Amino acid sequence: MSKFFLKSFNFIFYIAFVYSSGFIVKYAFAPYNIWPLAIVSPVALLYIWDKYDHRKLLSSFVYGLGYFTAGSWVFYSFSEHSDISFTISIIVTLIIVAALSLGFIIVHVLTNKIKSPESFRILCLFPASWVLMEYFRTISELSYPWLFISYSQTSSPIIYTSVFIGTYGTSFLIILFAGSIYLFLKKRKPSIALILLFLISFVCYNYIFHEKTKHSTNISTLLIQNNTSEQDKWDRNKLKNLITTYEKIILENLHPH
């Protein structure tokens, strides 16, 4: 009996640990902006894959559940801005989050099932499969580009590299950072330390370049967002009035003083 409870406790601890490893990504995004967590979280996933080698498939899915429920606005959208009941909102949200979490199974398969040296898997296949997962999310029926790992870096020096390598390139760089850190902690090889040093130098160079070339001139901007109810927003009979309202607001603020 005691063995049963011990196994149950260990399994619950495992699920909580894996879920939390994905969930902490939430705090890397605004408004928290603890951007290093976007690197810590993938490092944790690599550690989990190694520690629970026989559960890589389950670990990937549970990690994805934590990752997507952490920043999911889907439930709020359904429960607050639709006629769907509270119970149905929860069910639909769980289905969408579960579907999105399947993407991390793809990351697992492409990273761990392709026979290759460990360094190649972690430094090449892992970042590439992560970016591929993000790309597939934008072209699938669940086309949600939100929670791209690169979006978490708006307050970090890494964001300045996005000017040159774009959103997907920045995501690749973040996961490459995570893989390099994990490999260095695991193997302590000088070659991995050199890769880390190169990545840090690359980020620092782009940050310094940005600081030297940025303009000090302030630019005034105006964001116009009409306060329209969801019912009126999708009513074709009211489309002309909405367009007229937007046109009026834009013209009134075209040359603000």
Protein backbone atom coordinates (compact mmCIF):
# COMPACT_ATOMS: atom_id res chain seq x y z
CA MET A 1 0.00 0.00 0.00
CA SER A 2 2.82 2.38 0.87
CA LYS A 3 4.45 1.67 -2.51
CA PHE A 4 1.21 2.62 -4.24
CA PHE A 5 1.03 5.96 -2.42
CA LEU A 6 4.71 6.61 -3.09
CA LYS A 7 4.27 5.94 -6.81
CA SER A 8 1.16 8.11 -6.88
CA PHE A 9 2.98 10.96 -5.13
CA ASN A 10 5.95 10.67 -7.49
CA PHE A 11 3.67 10.75 -10.52
CA ILE A 12 1.75 13.78 -9.22
CA PHE A 13 5.04 15.54 -8.49
CA TYR A 14 6.25 14.71 -12.00
CA ILE A 15 3.08 16.10 -13.63
CA ALA A 16 3.21 19.26 -11.49
CA PHE A 17 6.89 19.81 -12.25
CA VAL A 18 6.49 19.37 -16.01
CA TYR A 19 3.33 21.52 -16.13
CA SER A 20 4.99 24.27 -14.07
CA SER A 21 8.03 24.23 -16.37
CA GLY A 22 5.77 25.27 -19.22
CA PHE A 23 3.59 27.55 -17.12
CA ILE A 24 6.47 29.80 -16.00
CA VAL A 25 6.76 31.13 -19.55
CA LYS A 26 3.76 33.30 -18.69
CA TYR A 27 5.98 35.51 -16.56
CA ALA A 28 8.42 36.09 -19.42
CA PHE A 29 5.71 37.98 -21.33
CA ALA A 30 4.17 41.36 -20.61
CA PRO A 31 3.16 42.68 -18.14
CA TYR A 32 5.65 40.69 -16.01
CA ASN A 33 8.58 40.88 -18.47
CA ILE A 34 10.84 38.46 -16.59
CA TRP A 35 12.37 37.59 -19.96
CA PRO A 36 15.09 35.12 -18.77
CA LEU A 37 12.27 32.67 -17.95
CA ALA A 38 11.79 32.23 -21.71
CA ILE A 39 15.24 30.61 -21.69
CA VAL A 40 14.86 28.82 -18.37
CA SER A 41 11.65 27.07 -19.45
CA PRO A 42 13.11 25.28 -22.53
CA VAL A 43 16.17 24.36 -20.41
CA ALA A 44 13.74 22.71 -17.99
CA LEU A 45 12.11 20.82 -20.86
CA LEU A 46 15.48 19.42 -21.94
CA TYR A 47 16.20 18.40 -18.36
CA ILE A 48 12.80 16.70 -18.10
CA TRP A 49 13.41 14.75 -21.31
CA ASP A 50 16.67 13.44 -19.87
CA LYS A 51 15.40 12.75 -16.37
CA TYR A 52 12.17 11.07 -17.45
CA ASP A 53 13.48 9.42 -20.59
CA HIS A 54 10.67 6.85 -20.71
CA ARG A 55 8.02 9.60 -20.56
CA LYS A 56 9.22 12.03 -23.23
CA LEU A 57 5.94 11.91 -25.15
CA LEU A 58 3.80 12.60 -22.08
CA SER A 59 6.26 15.20 -20.81
CA SER A 60 6.07 17.12 -24.08
CA PHE A 61 2.28 17.20 -24.01
CA VAL A 62 2.01 18.21 -20.34
CA TYR A 63 4.67 20.89 -20.86
CA GLY A 64 2.56 22.21 -23.73
CA LEU A 65 -0.54 22.28 -21.52
CA GLY A 66 1.33 24.43 -19.02
CA TYR A 67 2.75 26.64 -21.75
CA PHE A 68 -0.58 27.44 -23.40
CA THR A 69 -2.88 27.61 -20.39
CA ALA A 70 -0.47 30.12 -18.85
CA GLY A 71 -1.17 32.81 -21.42
CA SER A 72 -4.49 31.68 -22.78
CA TRP A 73 -7.06 34.41 -23.34
CA VAL A 74 -9.34 31.93 -25.08
CA PHE A 75 -11.47 31.23 -22.00
CA TYR A 76 -11.93 34.94 -21.30
CA SER A 77 -12.95 35.56 -24.91
CA PHE A 78 -15.58 32.82 -24.83
CA SER A 79 -16.92 33.48 -21.34
CA GLU A 80 -17.03 37.28 -21.48
CA HIS A 81 -17.63 38.10 -25.16
CA SER A 82 -19.95 35.40 -26.39
CA ASP A 83 -23.21 33.68 -25.51
CA ILE A 84 -21.43 30.42 -24.67
CA SER A 85 -22.06 29.14 -21.15
CA PHE A 86 -19.33 28.98 -18.51
CA THR A 87 -19.09 25.20 -18.73
CA ILE A 88 -18.87 25.15 -22.54
CA SER A 89 -16.24 27.91 -22.38
CA ILE A 90 -14.05 25.70 -20.18
CA ILE A 91 -14.51 22.69 -22.46
CA VAL A 92 -13.73 24.63 -25.65
CA THR A 93 -10.69 26.24 -24.03
CA LEU A 94 -9.36 22.86 -22.90
CA ILE A 95 -9.82 21.43 -26.40
CA ILE A 96 -7.96 24.35 -28.03
CA VAL A 97 -5.14 24.28 -25.48
CA ALA A 98 -4.81 20.50 -25.85
CA ALA A 99 -4.69 20.83 -29.64
CA LEU A 100 -1.99 23.49 -29.44
CA SER A 101 -0.04 21.37 -26.96
CA LEU A 102 0.31 18.65 -29.59
CA GLY A 103 2.86 20.94 -31.21
CA PHE A 104 5.35 20.08 -28.48
CA ILE A 105 4.98 16.41 -29.37
CA ILE A 106 6.23 17.39 -32.84
CA VAL A 107 9.17 19.15 -31.18
CA HIS A 108 9.89 15.97 -29.21
CA VAL A 109 9.71 13.71 -32.26
CA LEU A 110 11.93 15.90 -34.44
CA THR A 111 14.44 16.44 -31.64
CA ASN A 112 14.64 13.01 -30.04
CA LYS A 113 13.62 10.51 -32.70
CA ILE A 114 16.11 11.54 -35.38
CA LYS A 115 19.30 9.61 -34.73
CA SER A 116 22.15 12.09 -34.43
CA PRO A 117 24.77 13.27 -31.90
CA GLU A 118 23.35 14.88 -28.78
CA SER A 119 24.97 18.24 -29.48
CA PHE A 120 23.41 18.37 -32.94
CA ARG A 121 19.99 17.41 -31.58
CA ILE A 122 19.99 20.06 -28.88
CA LEU A 123 21.73 22.87 -30.76
CA CYS A 124 20.15 22.37 -34.18
CA LEU A 125 17.11 20.09 -34.17
CA PHE A 126 15.62 21.46 -30.95
CA PRO A 127 15.58 25.15 -32.02
CA ALA A 128 14.57 24.27 -35.59
CA SER A 129 11.65 22.07 -34.48
CA TRP A 130 10.49 24.75 -32.02
CA VAL A 131 10.41 27.36 -34.80
CA LEU A 132 8.69 24.88 -37.12
CA MET A 133 6.02 24.36 -34.47
CA GLU A 134 5.46 28.12 -34.28
CA TYR A 135 5.24 28.36 -38.06
CA PHE A 136 2.69 25.54 -38.28
CA ARG A 137 0.56 27.34 -35.69
CA THR A 138 0.24 30.33 -38.02
CA ILE A 139 -0.93 28.27 -41.01
CA SER A 140 -3.16 25.78 -39.22
CA GLU A 141 -6.86 26.09 -38.42
CA LEU A 142 -5.72 27.15 -34.94
CA SER A 143 -3.80 30.04 -36.45
CA TYR A 144 -2.57 31.67 -33.27
CA PRO A 145 0.81 33.44 -33.54
CA TRP A 146 0.43 34.51 -29.91
CA LEU A 147 2.89 33.20 -27.32
CA PHE A 148 5.72 32.94 -29.82
CA ILE A 149 8.77 32.67 -27.58
CA SER A 150 10.35 35.67 -29.31
CA TYR A 151 7.48 37.92 -28.16
CA SER A 152 8.72 37.53 -24.59
CA GLN A 153 11.90 39.50 -25.30
CA THR A 154 10.50 43.00 -25.76
CA SER A 155 12.33 44.13 -22.60
CA SER A 156 15.57 42.21 -23.18
CA PRO A 157 18.69 42.93 -25.26
CA ILE A 158 17.79 39.96 -27.45
CA ILE A 159 14.95 41.95 -29.04
CA TYR A 160 17.44 44.05 -31.00
CA THR A 161 18.48 41.02 -33.02
CA SER A 162 14.96 40.71 -34.41
CA VAL A 163 15.67 43.63 -36.74
CA PHE A 164 18.08 41.38 -38.62
CA ILE A 165 16.73 37.86 -38.09
CA GLY A 166 12.99 38.44 -37.65
CA THR A 167 10.48 36.81 -35.33
CA TYR A 168 11.32 33.21 -36.19
CA GLY A 169 15.04 33.92 -36.11
CA THR A 170 14.71 35.40 -32.64
CA SER A 171 12.76 32.34 -31.48
CA PHE A 172 15.53 30.14 -32.88
CA LEU A 173 18.14 32.24 -31.05
CA ILE A 174 16.31 31.95 -27.70
CA ILE A 175 15.99 28.17 -27.95
CA LEU A 176 19.61 27.94 -29.11
CA PHE A 177 20.57 29.87 -25.97
CA ALA A 178 18.57 27.40 -23.88
CA GLY A 179 20.14 24.40 -25.57
CA SER A 180 23.66 25.80 -25.19
CA ILE A 181 23.13 26.53 -21.50
CA TYR A 182 21.76 23.05 -20.87
CA LEU A 183 24.60 21.33 -22.73
CA PHE A 184 27.21 23.41 -20.92
CA LEU A 185 25.71 22.62 -17.52
CA LYS A 186 25.57 18.94 -18.46
CA LYS A 187 28.94 18.44 -20.16
CA ARG A 188 31.08 21.47 -19.24
CA LYS A 189 32.77 21.38 -22.64
CA PRO A 190 34.86 24.40 -23.74
CA SER A 191 33.34 24.18 -27.23
CA ILE A 192 29.86 24.75 -25.79
CA ALA A 193 31.20 27.65 -23.74
CA LEU A 194 32.53 29.19 -26.98
CA ILE A 195 29.08 28.87 -28.58
CA LEU A 196 27.54 30.59 -25.57
CA LEU A 197 30.16 33.32 -25.73
CA PHE A 198 29.46 33.84 -29.42
CA LEU A 199 25.70 34.11 -28.81
CA ILE A 200 26.18 36.61 -25.99
CA SER A 201 28.59 38.63 -28.15
CA PHE A 202 26.09 38.63 -31.01
CA VAL A 203 23.33 39.95 -28.76
CA CYS A 204 25.61 42.56 -27.17
CA TYR A 205 26.81 43.76 -30.58
CA ASN A 206 23.26 44.30 -31.79
CA TYR A 207 22.35 46.07 -28.57
CA ILE A 208 25.35 48.42 -28.81
CA PHE A 209 24.66 49.03 -32.51
CA HIS A 210 21.08 49.95 -31.67
CA GLU A 211 22.12 52.33 -28.90
CA LYS A 212 24.57 54.12 -31.20
CA THR A 213 22.19 54.49 -34.12
CA LYS A 214 18.87 55.16 -32.42
CA HIS A 215 17.34 58.59 -32.93
CA SER A 216 16.62 60.84 -29.98
CA THR A 217 13.74 62.59 -31.76
CA ASN A 218 10.37 61.87 -30.22
CA ILE A 219 7.65 60.66 -32.56
CA SER A 220 4.01 61.32 -31.75
CA THR A 221 1.60 58.49 -32.53
CA LEU A 222 -2.10 57.98 -32.09
CA LEU A 223 -3.95 54.71 -31.68
CA ILE A 224 -7.58 54.70 -32.73
CA GLN A 225 -9.79 51.89 -31.46
CA ASN A 226 -13.50 52.37 -31.73
CA ASN A 227 -15.49 51.15 -28.72
CA THR A 228 -17.89 48.88 -30.59
CA SER A 229 -19.90 46.06 -29.05
CA GLU A 230 -19.38 42.52 -30.38
CA GLN A 231 -22.97 42.46 -31.63
CA ASP A 232 -22.54 45.64 -33.71
CA LYS A 233 -19.05 44.69 -34.87
CA TRP A 234 -20.28 41.68 -36.86
CA ASP A 235 -23.60 43.16 -37.98
CA ARG A 236 -23.40 43.75 -41.75
CA ASN A 237 -26.24 46.28 -41.58
CA LYS A 238 -24.15 48.48 -39.32
CA LEU A 239 -20.89 48.17 -41.28
CA LYS A 240 -21.35 51.44 -43.15
CA ASN A 241 -21.94 53.38 -39.92
CA LEU A 242 -18.83 51.82 -38.36
CA ILE A 243 -16.68 52.79 -41.34
CA THR A 244 -18.08 56.32 -41.24
CA THR A 245 -17.31 56.56 -37.52
CA TYR A 246 -13.71 55.43 -38.06
CA GLU A 247 -13.28 57.85 -40.96
CA LYS A 248 -14.54 60.73 -38.85
CA ILE A 249 -12.20 59.91 -35.94
CA ILE A 250 -9.21 59.55 -38.27
CA LEU A 251 -9.87 62.84 -40.05
CA GLU A 252 -10.32 64.67 -36.74
CA ASN A 253 -6.95 63.39 -35.53
CA LEU A 254 -5.05 63.43 -38.81
CA HIS A 255 -3.06 66.50 -37.82
CA PRO A 256 -3.19 66.59 -34.02
CA HIS A 257 -1.77 69.67 -32.32
